[in-house]
Amino acid sequence: MSLDRASREKLVRALAEAVIQHADELTSLDQAIGDGDHGLNMKRGFEAVLATLPGLADKSLPEMLKSIGMTLVMKVGGASGPLVGTFFMELGKALPEQPTRADLVAATDMAINAVKARGRSEAGQKTLLDVLVPVHAVLAAGGDATAIAAEAMQAADRTMPMLAIRGRASFLGERSIGHMDPGSRSASLLIDAAIKALEFEARS
């Protein structure tokens, strides 16, 4: 997967626009089981990322991803900034400049493990990991763009019947059941946007 400068900028804009355009939805989801600030915080973070263009896209893919992660850690409040920021930073650290599919599978695994460590959480606890982990499994199994995007959306939906174990939603106990996890929804939006922007090909 070789990304020229125009493709890198297209990717950044797609990621940011996916979050910004769905900020109200993310806020509504978070009002149900959290602080109600997830949409606003994520919007603020990705607006800050957009503000670093066009210079951001001049960087190599790994350096660009690390920069996105650092910006999100600094600008996004709550639990989401450190977790989403960590994912981007670790992905950037692990990827070569022109990654193959195998590189992407390995780097995503490393980034997910970093998120687990940062949040002291695992899949099944109603967090963004409940999207990242199953999507990684589809990617590793050779799934095509349609399958990966579909799994991201379905995985977010599957957080609705879950009991929240980590994060602010865990304070609600059983009242967290029946609501989609906001972090999982934002993760699914980012994955879908990335796939569409990259015109993802299921080839190594």
N, C-alpha and C. Protein backbone atom coordinates (compact mmCIF):
# COMPACT_ATOMS: atom_id res chain seq x y z
N MET A 1 0.85 -1.18 0.00
CA MET A 1 0.00 0.00 0.00
C MET A 1 0.89 1.23 0.00
N SER A 2 0.93 1.89 -1.13
CA SER A 2 1.77 3.07 -1.27
C SER A 2 0.88 4.31 -1.35
N LEU A 3 1.10 5.25 -0.44
CA LEU A 3 0.28 6.46 -0.40
C LEU A 3 1.12 7.68 -0.77
N ASP A 4 0.72 8.35 -1.85
CA ASP A 4 1.41 9.59 -2.19
C ASP A 4 0.86 10.72 -1.32
N ARG A 5 1.40 11.91 -1.49
CA ARG A 5 1.01 13.02 -0.63
C ARG A 5 -0.48 13.32 -0.72
N ALA A 6 -1.02 13.30 -1.94
CA ALA A 6 -2.45 13.60 -2.12
C ALA A 6 -3.32 12.56 -1.41
N SER A 7 -2.89 11.30 -1.44
CA SER A 7 -3.65 10.24 -0.77
C SER A 7 -3.59 10.40 0.74
N ARG A 8 -2.44 10.83 1.24
CA ARG A 8 -2.31 11.04 2.68
C ARG A 8 -3.23 12.17 3.15
N GLU A 9 -3.26 13.25 2.36
CA GLU A 9 -4.14 14.36 2.73
C GLU A 9 -5.61 13.95 2.64
N LYS A 10 -5.94 13.18 1.62
CA LYS A 10 -7.31 12.68 1.47
C LYS A 10 -7.71 11.84 2.68
N LEU A 11 -6.78 11.02 3.16
CA LEU A 11 -7.04 10.18 4.33
C LEU A 11 -7.31 11.03 5.57
N VAL A 12 -6.47 12.01 5.81
CA VAL A 12 -6.64 12.86 6.99
C VAL A 12 -7.98 13.58 6.95
N ARG A 13 -8.31 14.14 5.79
CA ARG A 13 -9.57 14.87 5.67
C ARG A 13 -10.77 13.94 5.87
N ALA A 14 -10.67 12.73 5.36
CA ALA A 14 -11.78 11.77 5.49
C ALA A 14 -11.99 11.38 6.95
N LEU A 15 -10.90 11.13 7.66
CA LEU A 15 -11.00 10.77 9.08
C LEU A 15 -11.63 11.91 9.88
N ALA A 16 -11.14 13.11 9.64
CA ALA A 16 -11.64 14.27 10.39
C ALA A 16 -13.11 14.55 10.08
N GLU A 17 -13.45 14.51 8.81
CA GLU A 17 -14.83 14.82 8.42
C GLU A 17 -15.81 13.79 8.96
N ALA A 18 -15.39 12.52 9.03
CA ALA A 18 -16.28 11.48 9.56
C ALA A 18 -16.66 11.78 11.01
N VAL A 19 -15.69 12.22 11.79
CA VAL A 19 -15.95 12.54 13.19
C VAL A 19 -16.73 13.84 13.32
N ILE A 20 -16.31 14.86 12.61
CA ILE A 20 -16.94 16.18 12.73
C ILE A 20 -18.41 16.12 12.30
N GLN A 21 -18.68 15.41 11.21
CA GLN A 21 -20.06 15.32 10.70
C GLN A 21 -20.97 14.51 11.62
N HIS A 22 -20.39 13.63 12.44
CA HIS A 22 -21.20 12.81 13.34
C HIS A 22 -21.06 13.24 14.80
N ALA A 23 -20.55 14.44 15.02
CA ALA A 23 -20.31 14.89 16.40
C ALA A 23 -21.58 14.92 17.23
N ASP A 24 -22.68 15.37 16.65
CA ASP A 24 -23.94 15.43 17.40
C ASP A 24 -24.42 14.03 17.78
N GLU A 25 -24.27 13.10 16.86
CA GLU A 25 -24.67 11.71 17.14
C GLU A 25 -23.82 11.14 18.27
N LEU A 26 -22.52 11.37 18.21
CA LEU A 26 -21.62 10.87 19.25
C LEU A 26 -21.93 11.49 20.61
N THR A 27 -22.30 12.76 20.59
CA THR A 27 -22.68 13.43 21.83
C THR A 27 -23.95 12.81 22.40
N SER A 28 -24.92 12.55 21.55
CA SER A 28 -26.18 11.94 22.02
C SER A 28 -25.93 10.57 22.64
N LEU A 29 -25.08 9.79 21.99
CA LEU A 29 -24.75 8.47 22.54
C LEU A 29 -24.10 8.60 23.90
N ASP A 30 -23.22 9.58 24.04
CA ASP A 30 -22.49 9.76 25.29
C ASP A 30 -23.37 10.36 26.38
N GLN A 31 -24.37 11.13 25.99
CA GLN A 31 -25.29 11.68 26.99
C GLN A 31 -26.07 10.57 27.69
N ALA A 32 -26.26 9.46 26.97
CA ALA A 32 -27.03 8.34 27.53
C ALA A 32 -26.26 7.58 28.60
N ILE A 33 -24.93 7.44 28.41
CA ILE A 33 -24.18 6.58 29.34
C ILE A 33 -22.85 7.18 29.80
N GLY A 34 -22.58 8.42 29.44
CA GLY A 34 -21.29 9.01 29.80
C GLY A 34 -21.42 10.45 30.25
N ASP A 35 -20.38 11.24 29.96
CA ASP A 35 -20.37 12.64 30.34
C ASP A 35 -21.07 13.54 29.33
N GLY A 36 -21.37 12.99 28.18
CA GLY A 36 -22.03 13.78 27.14
C GLY A 36 -21.09 14.65 26.33
N ASP A 37 -19.77 14.40 26.46
CA ASP A 37 -18.81 15.28 25.79
C ASP A 37 -17.99 14.57 24.71
N HIS A 38 -18.30 13.31 24.43
CA HIS A 38 -17.47 12.56 23.49
C HIS A 38 -17.46 13.19 22.10
N GLY A 39 -18.64 13.56 21.61
CA GLY A 39 -18.71 14.16 20.27
C GLY A 39 -17.95 15.46 20.18
N LEU A 40 -18.14 16.32 21.18
CA LEU A 40 -17.46 17.62 21.19
C LEU A 40 -15.95 17.45 21.31
N ASN A 41 -15.53 16.54 22.18
CA ASN A 41 -14.10 16.32 22.37
C ASN A 41 -13.44 15.78 21.11
N MET A 42 -14.08 14.80 20.49
CA MET A 42 -13.51 14.21 19.27
C MET A 42 -13.50 15.23 18.13
N LYS A 43 -14.56 16.02 18.04
CA LYS A 43 -14.62 17.07 17.02
C LYS A 43 -13.48 18.06 17.21
N ARG A 44 -13.25 18.48 18.46
CA ARG A 44 -12.18 19.41 18.75
C ARG A 44 -10.83 18.83 18.34
N GLY A 45 -10.62 17.57 18.65
CA GLY A 45 -9.36 16.92 18.31
C GLY A 45 -9.11 16.86 16.83
N PHE A 46 -10.13 16.48 16.07
CA PHE A 46 -9.92 16.33 14.63
C PHE A 46 -9.94 17.67 13.90
N GLU A 47 -10.58 18.68 14.48
CA GLU A 47 -10.42 20.03 13.92
C GLU A 47 -8.98 20.49 14.09
N ALA A 48 -8.37 20.12 15.22
CA ALA A 48 -6.95 20.47 15.44
C ALA A 48 -6.06 19.72 14.46
N VAL A 49 -6.42 18.48 14.15
CA VAL A 49 -5.66 17.71 13.15
C VAL A 49 -5.76 18.39 11.79
N LEU A 50 -6.98 18.78 11.41
CA LEU A 50 -7.17 19.47 10.12
C LEU A 50 -6.34 20.75 10.03
N ALA A 51 -6.21 21.41 11.16
CA ALA A 51 -5.48 22.69 11.18
C ALA A 51 -4.00 22.50 10.89
N THR A 52 -3.50 21.26 11.00
CA THR A 52 -2.09 21.01 10.72
C THR A 52 -1.83 20.70 9.24
N LEU A 53 -2.91 20.62 8.47
CA LEU A 53 -2.74 20.51 7.01
C LEU A 53 -2.44 21.88 6.46
N PRO A 54 -1.76 21.98 5.32
CA PRO A 54 -1.28 20.88 4.47
C PRO A 54 0.04 20.26 4.92
N GLY A 55 0.69 20.87 5.89
CA GLY A 55 2.01 20.38 6.28
C GLY A 55 2.00 18.95 6.78
N LEU A 56 0.93 18.54 7.44
CA LEU A 56 0.83 17.18 7.98
C LEU A 56 1.01 16.13 6.89
N ALA A 57 0.42 16.38 5.72
CA ALA A 57 0.48 15.41 4.63
C ALA A 57 1.84 15.36 3.95
N ASP A 58 2.70 16.31 4.27
CA ASP A 58 4.06 16.28 3.71
C ASP A 58 4.91 15.20 4.40
N LYS A 59 4.47 14.78 5.57
CA LYS A 59 5.23 13.77 6.32
C LYS A 59 5.00 12.39 5.73
N SER A 60 5.90 11.47 6.05
CA SER A 60 5.70 10.07 5.66
C SER A 60 4.48 9.54 6.38
N LEU A 61 3.92 8.43 5.91
CA LEU A 61 2.74 7.86 6.54
C LEU A 61 2.97 7.58 8.03
N PRO A 62 4.06 6.92 8.41
CA PRO A 62 4.27 6.66 9.84
C PRO A 62 4.35 7.95 10.67
N GLU A 63 5.09 8.94 10.17
CA GLU A 63 5.22 10.19 10.92
C GLU A 63 3.90 10.95 10.97
N MET A 64 3.13 10.87 9.90
CA MET A 64 1.82 11.52 9.86
C MET A 64 0.90 10.91 10.91
N LEU A 65 0.87 9.59 11.00
CA LEU A 65 0.02 8.91 11.97
C LEU A 65 0.43 9.26 13.40
N LYS A 66 1.73 9.31 13.63
CA LYS A 66 2.21 9.67 14.97
C LYS A 66 1.80 11.10 15.33
N SER A 67 1.88 11.99 14.37
CA SER A 67 1.49 13.39 14.61
C SER A 67 0.00 13.50 14.91
N ILE A 68 -0.81 12.75 14.17
CA ILE A 68 -2.25 12.74 14.44
C ILE A 68 -2.49 12.28 15.87
N GLY A 69 -1.82 11.20 16.25
CA GLY A 69 -2.00 10.67 17.59
C GLY A 69 -1.62 11.66 18.67
N MET A 70 -0.50 12.34 18.48
CA MET A 70 -0.05 13.32 19.47
C MET A 70 -1.03 14.48 19.59
N THR A 71 -1.57 14.92 18.46
CA THR A 71 -2.55 16.00 18.48
C THR A 71 -3.81 15.58 19.23
N LEU A 72 -4.26 14.35 18.99
CA LEU A 72 -5.47 13.87 19.66
C LEU A 72 -5.26 13.73 21.17
N VAL A 73 -4.10 13.25 21.56
CA VAL A 73 -3.82 13.14 22.99
C VAL A 73 -3.86 14.52 23.66
N MET A 74 -3.35 15.52 22.97
CA MET A 74 -3.28 16.86 23.54
C MET A 74 -4.62 17.59 23.52
N LYS A 75 -5.43 17.34 22.49
CA LYS A 75 -6.62 18.15 22.27
C LYS A 75 -7.94 17.50 22.68
N VAL A 76 -7.98 16.16 22.73
CA VAL A 76 -9.23 15.48 23.06
C VAL A 76 -9.26 15.19 24.55
N GLY A 77 -10.29 15.66 25.21
CA GLY A 77 -10.41 15.42 26.63
C GLY A 77 -10.98 14.05 26.94
N GLY A 78 -11.20 13.79 28.22
CA GLY A 78 -11.78 12.53 28.65
C GLY A 78 -10.87 11.36 28.40
N ALA A 79 -11.46 10.17 28.38
CA ALA A 79 -10.68 8.95 28.16
C ALA A 79 -10.32 8.76 26.69
N SER A 80 -11.11 9.35 25.80
CA SER A 80 -10.97 9.06 24.37
C SER A 80 -9.65 9.55 23.79
N GLY A 81 -9.21 10.74 24.21
CA GLY A 81 -7.98 11.30 23.65
C GLY A 81 -6.78 10.39 23.83
N PRO A 82 -6.49 9.96 25.06
CA PRO A 82 -5.35 9.07 25.27
C PRO A 82 -5.49 7.73 24.53
N LEU A 83 -6.70 7.21 24.45
CA LEU A 83 -6.88 5.89 23.82
C LEU A 83 -6.79 5.97 22.30
N VAL A 84 -7.54 6.88 21.70
CA VAL A 84 -7.50 7.02 20.24
C VAL A 84 -6.13 7.55 19.81
N GLY A 85 -5.60 8.48 20.58
CA GLY A 85 -4.27 9.01 20.27
C GLY A 85 -3.20 7.94 20.33
N THR A 86 -3.28 7.11 21.36
CA THR A 86 -2.33 6.00 21.49
C THR A 86 -2.40 5.07 20.29
N PHE A 87 -3.62 4.77 19.84
CA PHE A 87 -3.78 3.88 18.68
C PHE A 87 -3.05 4.45 17.47
N PHE A 88 -3.26 5.73 17.17
CA PHE A 88 -2.61 6.34 16.00
C PHE A 88 -1.09 6.39 16.17
N MET A 89 -0.64 6.76 17.36
CA MET A 89 0.81 6.86 17.58
C MET A 89 1.49 5.50 17.44
N GLU A 90 0.90 4.47 18.03
CA GLU A 90 1.51 3.15 17.96
C GLU A 90 1.43 2.57 16.56
N LEU A 91 0.35 2.87 15.85
CA LEU A 91 0.25 2.43 14.46
C LEU A 91 1.36 3.06 13.63
N GLY A 92 1.60 4.34 13.86
CA GLY A 92 2.67 5.03 13.15
C GLY A 92 4.04 4.48 13.48
N LYS A 93 4.26 4.12 14.74
CA LYS A 93 5.55 3.56 15.15
C LYS A 93 5.81 2.21 14.49
N ALA A 94 4.75 1.44 14.28
CA ALA A 94 4.90 0.06 13.82
C ALA A 94 4.89 -0.09 12.30
N LEU A 95 4.34 0.88 11.59
CA LEU A 95 4.21 0.76 10.14
C LEU A 95 5.45 1.26 9.40
N PRO A 96 5.86 0.57 8.34
CA PRO A 96 6.88 1.11 7.44
C PRO A 96 6.24 2.16 6.54
N GLU A 97 7.06 2.86 5.77
CA GLU A 97 6.53 3.93 4.93
C GLU A 97 5.60 3.42 3.84
N GLN A 98 5.87 2.23 3.32
CA GLN A 98 5.01 1.64 2.29
C GLN A 98 4.58 0.25 2.76
N PRO A 99 3.59 0.19 3.64
CA PRO A 99 3.21 -1.07 4.27
C PRO A 99 2.48 -2.02 3.33
N THR A 100 2.73 -3.31 3.54
CA THR A 100 1.94 -4.35 2.90
C THR A 100 0.74 -4.64 3.79
N ARG A 101 -0.14 -5.48 3.33
CA ARG A 101 -1.27 -5.88 4.18
C ARG A 101 -0.76 -6.57 5.44
N ALA A 102 0.25 -7.40 5.31
CA ALA A 102 0.81 -8.09 6.47
C ALA A 102 1.36 -7.08 7.48
N ASP A 103 2.00 -6.03 6.99
CA ASP A 103 2.49 -4.97 7.87
C ASP A 103 1.34 -4.31 8.62
N LEU A 104 0.25 -4.07 7.90
CA LEU A 104 -0.91 -3.41 8.51
C LEU A 104 -1.54 -4.30 9.58
N VAL A 105 -1.61 -5.60 9.31
CA VAL A 105 -2.15 -6.54 10.30
C VAL A 105 -1.30 -6.52 11.57
N ALA A 106 0.01 -6.61 11.40
CA ALA A 106 0.92 -6.65 12.55
C ALA A 106 0.91 -5.33 13.32
N ALA A 107 0.92 -4.21 12.60
CA ALA A 107 0.94 -2.90 13.25
C ALA A 107 -0.36 -2.63 14.00
N THR A 108 -1.48 -3.04 13.41
CA THR A 108 -2.77 -2.85 14.08
C THR A 108 -2.84 -3.66 15.36
N ASP A 109 -2.29 -4.87 15.32
CA ASP A 109 -2.26 -5.70 16.53
C ASP A 109 -1.45 -5.01 17.63
N MET A 110 -0.32 -4.45 17.26
CA MET A 110 0.51 -3.75 18.25
C MET A 110 -0.21 -2.52 18.81
N ALA A 111 -0.90 -1.80 17.94
CA ALA A 111 -1.62 -0.60 18.37
C ALA A 111 -2.77 -0.97 19.31
N ILE A 112 -3.47 -2.06 18.99
CA ILE A 112 -4.57 -2.52 19.85
C ILE A 112 -4.04 -2.91 21.23
N ASN A 113 -2.92 -3.60 21.26
CA ASN A 113 -2.34 -4.00 22.54
C ASN A 113 -1.94 -2.77 23.37
N ALA A 114 -1.48 -1.74 22.69
CA ALA A 114 -1.13 -0.50 23.39
C ALA A 114 -2.37 0.17 23.99
N VAL A 115 -3.48 0.13 23.25
CA VAL A 115 -4.74 0.68 23.75
C VAL A 115 -5.22 -0.13 24.96
N LYS A 116 -5.10 -1.44 24.88
CA LYS A 116 -5.48 -2.30 26.02
C LYS A 116 -4.68 -1.93 27.26
N ALA A 117 -3.39 -1.73 27.08
CA ALA A 117 -2.53 -1.40 28.21
C ALA A 117 -2.85 -0.01 28.76
N ARG A 118 -3.07 0.94 27.86
CA ARG A 118 -3.34 2.33 28.30
C ARG A 118 -4.66 2.41 29.06
N GLY A 119 -5.67 1.70 28.56
CA GLY A 119 -6.98 1.75 29.19
C GLY A 119 -7.22 0.66 30.21
N ARG A 120 -6.24 -0.22 30.38
CA ARG A 120 -6.37 -1.37 31.28
C ARG A 120 -7.70 -2.09 31.02
N SER A 121 -7.94 -2.41 29.76
CA SER A 121 -9.20 -3.01 29.36
C SER A 121 -8.99 -4.07 28.29
N GLU A 122 -10.04 -4.83 28.06
CA GLU A 122 -10.04 -5.89 27.05
C GLU A 122 -11.33 -5.78 26.25
N ALA A 123 -11.39 -6.48 25.13
CA ALA A 123 -12.64 -6.57 24.37
C ALA A 123 -13.71 -7.22 25.25
N GLY A 124 -14.95 -6.80 25.06
CA GLY A 124 -16.05 -7.34 25.85
C GLY A 124 -16.45 -6.46 27.01
N GLN A 125 -15.77 -5.30 27.15
CA GLN A 125 -16.06 -4.41 28.27
C GLN A 125 -16.75 -3.12 27.84
N LYS A 126 -17.29 -3.11 26.61
CA LYS A 126 -18.04 -1.98 26.07
C LYS A 126 -17.15 -0.75 25.89
N THR A 127 -16.09 -0.94 25.11
CA THR A 127 -15.18 0.16 24.77
C THR A 127 -14.86 0.08 23.28
N LEU A 128 -14.03 1.01 22.80
CA LEU A 128 -13.63 0.98 21.39
C LEU A 128 -12.93 -0.32 21.00
N LEU A 129 -12.40 -1.04 21.97
CA LEU A 129 -11.77 -2.33 21.67
C LEU A 129 -12.77 -3.33 21.09
N ASP A 130 -14.05 -3.13 21.39
CA ASP A 130 -15.06 -4.03 20.87
C ASP A 130 -15.32 -3.82 19.38
N VAL A 131 -14.73 -2.78 18.82
CA VAL A 131 -14.68 -2.60 17.37
C VAL A 131 -13.30 -2.95 16.83
N LEU A 132 -12.27 -2.44 17.48
CA LEU A 132 -10.91 -2.65 16.97
C LEU A 132 -10.52 -4.13 16.90
N VAL A 133 -10.85 -4.89 17.93
CA VAL A 133 -10.43 -6.30 17.97
C VAL A 133 -11.11 -7.13 16.88
N PRO A 134 -12.44 -7.10 16.74
CA PRO A 134 -13.05 -7.90 15.67
C PRO A 134 -12.71 -7.42 14.27
N VAL A 135 -12.51 -6.12 14.10
CA VAL A 135 -12.11 -5.62 12.78
C VAL A 135 -10.71 -6.12 12.43
N HIS A 136 -9.83 -6.13 13.41
CA HIS A 136 -8.48 -6.67 13.18
C HIS A 136 -8.56 -8.14 12.77
N ALA A 137 -9.46 -8.89 13.38
CA ALA A 137 -9.62 -10.31 13.04
C ALA A 137 -10.03 -10.49 11.59
N VAL A 138 -10.94 -9.65 11.12
CA VAL A 138 -11.39 -9.72 9.72
C VAL A 138 -10.25 -9.33 8.78
N LEU A 139 -9.51 -8.29 9.14
CA LEU A 139 -8.35 -7.87 8.35
C LEU A 139 -7.32 -8.98 8.27
N ALA A 140 -7.02 -9.60 9.41
CA ALA A 140 -6.02 -10.66 9.46
C ALA A 140 -6.45 -11.90 8.68
N ALA A 141 -7.76 -12.12 8.60
CA ALA A 141 -8.29 -13.29 7.90
C ALA A 141 -8.39 -13.07 6.39
N GLY A 142 -8.03 -11.87 5.94
CA GLY A 142 -8.04 -11.60 4.50
C GLY A 142 -9.31 -10.98 3.99
N GLY A 143 -10.15 -10.47 4.89
CA GLY A 143 -11.40 -9.85 4.48
C GLY A 143 -11.19 -8.65 3.57
N ASP A 144 -12.14 -8.46 2.65
CA ASP A 144 -12.03 -7.34 1.72
C ASP A 144 -12.59 -6.07 2.37
N ALA A 145 -12.57 -4.98 1.61
CA ALA A 145 -12.98 -3.69 2.16
C ALA A 145 -14.41 -3.72 2.66
N THR A 146 -15.29 -4.36 1.90
CA THR A 146 -16.70 -4.44 2.29
C THR A 146 -16.86 -5.18 3.61
N ALA A 147 -16.16 -6.29 3.75
CA ALA A 147 -16.25 -7.09 4.96
C ALA A 147 -15.71 -6.34 6.17
N ILE A 148 -14.62 -5.62 5.99
CA ILE A 148 -14.01 -4.88 7.10
C ILE A 148 -14.94 -3.74 7.54
N ALA A 149 -15.46 -2.99 6.59
CA ALA A 149 -16.35 -1.88 6.92
C ALA A 149 -17.63 -2.40 7.59
N ALA A 150 -18.15 -3.50 7.07
CA ALA A 150 -19.37 -4.07 7.65
C ALA A 150 -19.14 -4.54 9.08
N GLU A 151 -18.00 -5.16 9.32
CA GLU A 151 -17.69 -5.64 10.68
C GLU A 151 -17.55 -4.48 11.64
N ALA A 152 -16.97 -3.37 11.18
CA ALA A 152 -16.82 -2.20 12.05
C ALA A 152 -18.18 -1.70 12.51
N MET A 153 -19.12 -1.58 11.58
CA MET A 153 -20.45 -1.09 11.93
C MET A 153 -21.21 -2.10 12.80
N GLN A 154 -21.13 -3.38 12.44
CA GLN A 154 -21.83 -4.41 13.20
C GLN A 154 -21.25 -4.54 14.61
N ALA A 155 -19.94 -4.39 14.73
CA ALA A 155 -19.30 -4.51 16.03
C ALA A 155 -19.77 -3.38 16.96
N ALA A 156 -19.91 -2.18 16.41
CA ALA A 156 -20.42 -1.07 17.22
C ALA A 156 -21.84 -1.38 17.69
N ASP A 157 -22.66 -1.91 16.79
CA ASP A 157 -24.03 -2.29 17.15
C ASP A 157 -24.04 -3.34 18.26
N ARG A 158 -23.06 -4.24 18.23
CA ARG A 158 -23.03 -5.32 19.21
C ARG A 158 -22.69 -4.83 20.63
N THR A 159 -22.26 -3.57 20.76
CA THR A 159 -22.00 -3.06 22.11
C THR A 159 -23.29 -2.69 22.84
N MET A 160 -24.39 -2.61 22.12
CA MET A 160 -25.65 -2.17 22.76
C MET A 160 -26.09 -3.08 23.90
N PRO A 161 -26.10 -4.42 23.73
CA PRO A 161 -26.54 -5.27 24.85
C PRO A 161 -25.46 -5.52 25.90
N MET A 162 -24.26 -4.98 25.69
CA MET A 162 -23.17 -5.23 26.63
C MET A 162 -23.33 -4.43 27.92
N LEU A 163 -22.81 -4.99 29.00
CA LEU A 163 -22.69 -4.29 30.27
C LEU A 163 -21.34 -3.60 30.29
N ALA A 164 -21.34 -2.30 30.56
CA ALA A 164 -20.08 -1.55 30.59
C ALA A 164 -19.25 -1.95 31.81
N ILE A 165 -18.00 -2.30 31.58
CA ILE A 165 -17.09 -2.69 32.65
C ILE A 165 -16.06 -1.60 32.91
N ARG A 166 -15.71 -0.87 31.86
CA ARG A 166 -14.70 0.18 31.99
C ARG A 166 -15.31 1.53 31.63
N GLY A 167 -14.67 2.59 32.06
CA GLY A 167 -15.08 3.93 31.67
C GLY A 167 -16.25 4.46 32.49
N ARG A 168 -16.65 5.69 32.16
CA ARG A 168 -17.74 6.35 32.87
C ARG A 168 -19.03 5.53 32.84
N ALA A 169 -19.28 4.86 31.72
CA ALA A 169 -20.52 4.08 31.59
C ALA A 169 -20.60 2.95 32.62
N SER A 170 -19.46 2.48 33.11
CA SER A 170 -19.47 1.38 34.08
C SER A 170 -20.15 1.78 35.39
N PHE A 171 -20.17 3.10 35.68
CA PHE A 171 -20.81 3.57 36.90
C PHE A 171 -22.32 3.35 36.88
N LEU A 172 -22.88 3.18 35.68
CA LEU A 172 -24.32 3.00 35.54
C LEU A 172 -24.75 1.56 35.79
N GLY A 173 -23.79 0.65 35.81
CA GLY A 173 -24.14 -0.76 35.99
C GLY A 173 -25.04 -1.25 34.87
N GLU A 174 -26.14 -1.90 35.22
CA GLU A 174 -27.02 -2.49 34.21
C GLU A 174 -27.74 -1.45 33.37
N ARG A 175 -27.76 -0.21 33.83
CA ARG A 175 -28.39 0.83 33.02
C ARG A 175 -27.58 1.16 31.76
N SER A 176 -26.32 0.68 31.70
CA SER A 176 -25.52 0.87 30.49
C SER A 176 -25.95 -0.07 29.37
N ILE A 177 -26.69 -1.11 29.74
CA ILE A 177 -27.18 -2.07 28.74
C ILE A 177 -28.26 -1.42 27.88
N GLY A 178 -28.18 -1.66 26.58
CA GLY A 178 -29.18 -1.11 25.66
C GLY A 178 -28.74 0.15 24.95
N HIS A 179 -27.52 0.60 25.24
CA HIS A 179 -26.99 1.80 24.60
C HIS A 179 -25.68 1.46 23.88
N MET A 180 -25.51 2.02 22.69
CA MET A 180 -24.26 1.82 21.96
C MET A 180 -23.14 2.58 22.63
N ASP A 181 -21.96 1.97 22.69
CA ASP A 181 -20.80 2.65 23.25
C ASP A 181 -20.33 3.75 22.31
N PRO A 182 -20.22 4.99 22.77
CA PRO A 182 -19.80 6.10 21.90
C PRO A 182 -18.42 5.90 21.30
N GLY A 183 -17.48 5.38 22.10
CA GLY A 183 -16.13 5.15 21.59
C GLY A 183 -16.10 4.11 20.48
N SER A 184 -16.95 3.10 20.61
CA SER A 184 -17.04 2.09 19.56
C SER A 184 -17.62 2.69 18.28
N ARG A 185 -18.60 3.56 18.45
CA ARG A 185 -19.20 4.21 17.28
C ARG A 185 -18.18 5.09 16.57
N SER A 186 -17.42 5.88 17.31
CA SER A 186 -16.43 6.74 16.66
C SER A 186 -15.34 5.91 16.00
N ALA A 187 -14.96 4.79 16.62
CA ALA A 187 -13.97 3.90 16.00
C ALA A 187 -14.49 3.34 14.69
N SER A 188 -15.76 2.97 14.67
CA SER A 188 -16.34 2.41 13.44
C SER A 188 -16.39 3.46 12.34
N LEU A 189 -16.68 4.70 12.71
CA LEU A 189 -16.70 5.79 11.72
C LEU A 189 -15.32 6.03 11.13
N LEU A 190 -14.30 6.00 11.98
CA LEU A 190 -12.93 6.22 11.51
C LEU A 190 -12.47 5.10 10.58
N ILE A 191 -12.81 3.87 10.94
CA ILE A 191 -12.42 2.72 10.10
C ILE A 191 -13.11 2.80 8.75
N ASP A 192 -14.40 3.09 8.76
CA ASP A 192 -15.15 3.19 7.51
C ASP A 192 -14.59 4.30 6.62
N ALA A 193 -14.26 5.43 7.23
CA ALA A 193 -13.72 6.57 6.48
C ALA A 193 -12.36 6.23 5.88
N ALA A 194 -11.53 5.54 6.65
CA ALA A 194 -10.20 5.18 6.16
C ALA A 194 -10.28 4.25 4.97
N ILE A 195 -11.16 3.26 5.06
CA ILE A 195 -11.31 2.28 3.98
C ILE A 195 -11.77 2.97 2.70
N LYS A 196 -12.74 3.85 2.83
CA LYS A 196 -13.27 4.54 1.65
C LYS A 196 -12.23 5.50 1.07
N ALA A 197 -11.50 6.19 1.92
CA ALA A 197 -10.50 7.14 1.44
C ALA A 197 -9.35 6.45 0.73
N LEU A 198 -8.97 5.29 1.23
CA LEU A 198 -7.84 4.57 0.66
C LEU A 198 -8.23 3.68 -0.49
N GLU A 199 -9.57 3.56 -0.72
CA GLU A 199 -10.04 2.62 -1.73
C GLU A 199 -9.37 1.29 -1.48
N PHE A 200 -9.50 0.84 -0.23
CA PHE A 200 -8.77 -0.31 0.32
C PHE A 200 -8.86 -1.53 -0.61
N GLU A 201 -7.71 -2.11 -0.85
CA GLU A 201 -7.63 -3.33 -1.62
C GLU A 201 -7.18 -4.47 -0.73
N ALA A 202 -7.86 -5.57 -0.80
CA ALA A 202 -7.54 -6.71 0.04
C ALA A 202 -6.40 -7.54 -0.57
N ARG A 203 -5.29 -6.85 -0.79
CA ARG A 203 -4.12 -7.54 -1.34
C ARG A 203 -2.91 -7.16 -0.50
N SER A 204 -1.97 -8.03 -0.46
CA SER A 204 -0.75 -7.74 0.32
C SER A 204 0.20 -6.95 -0.56
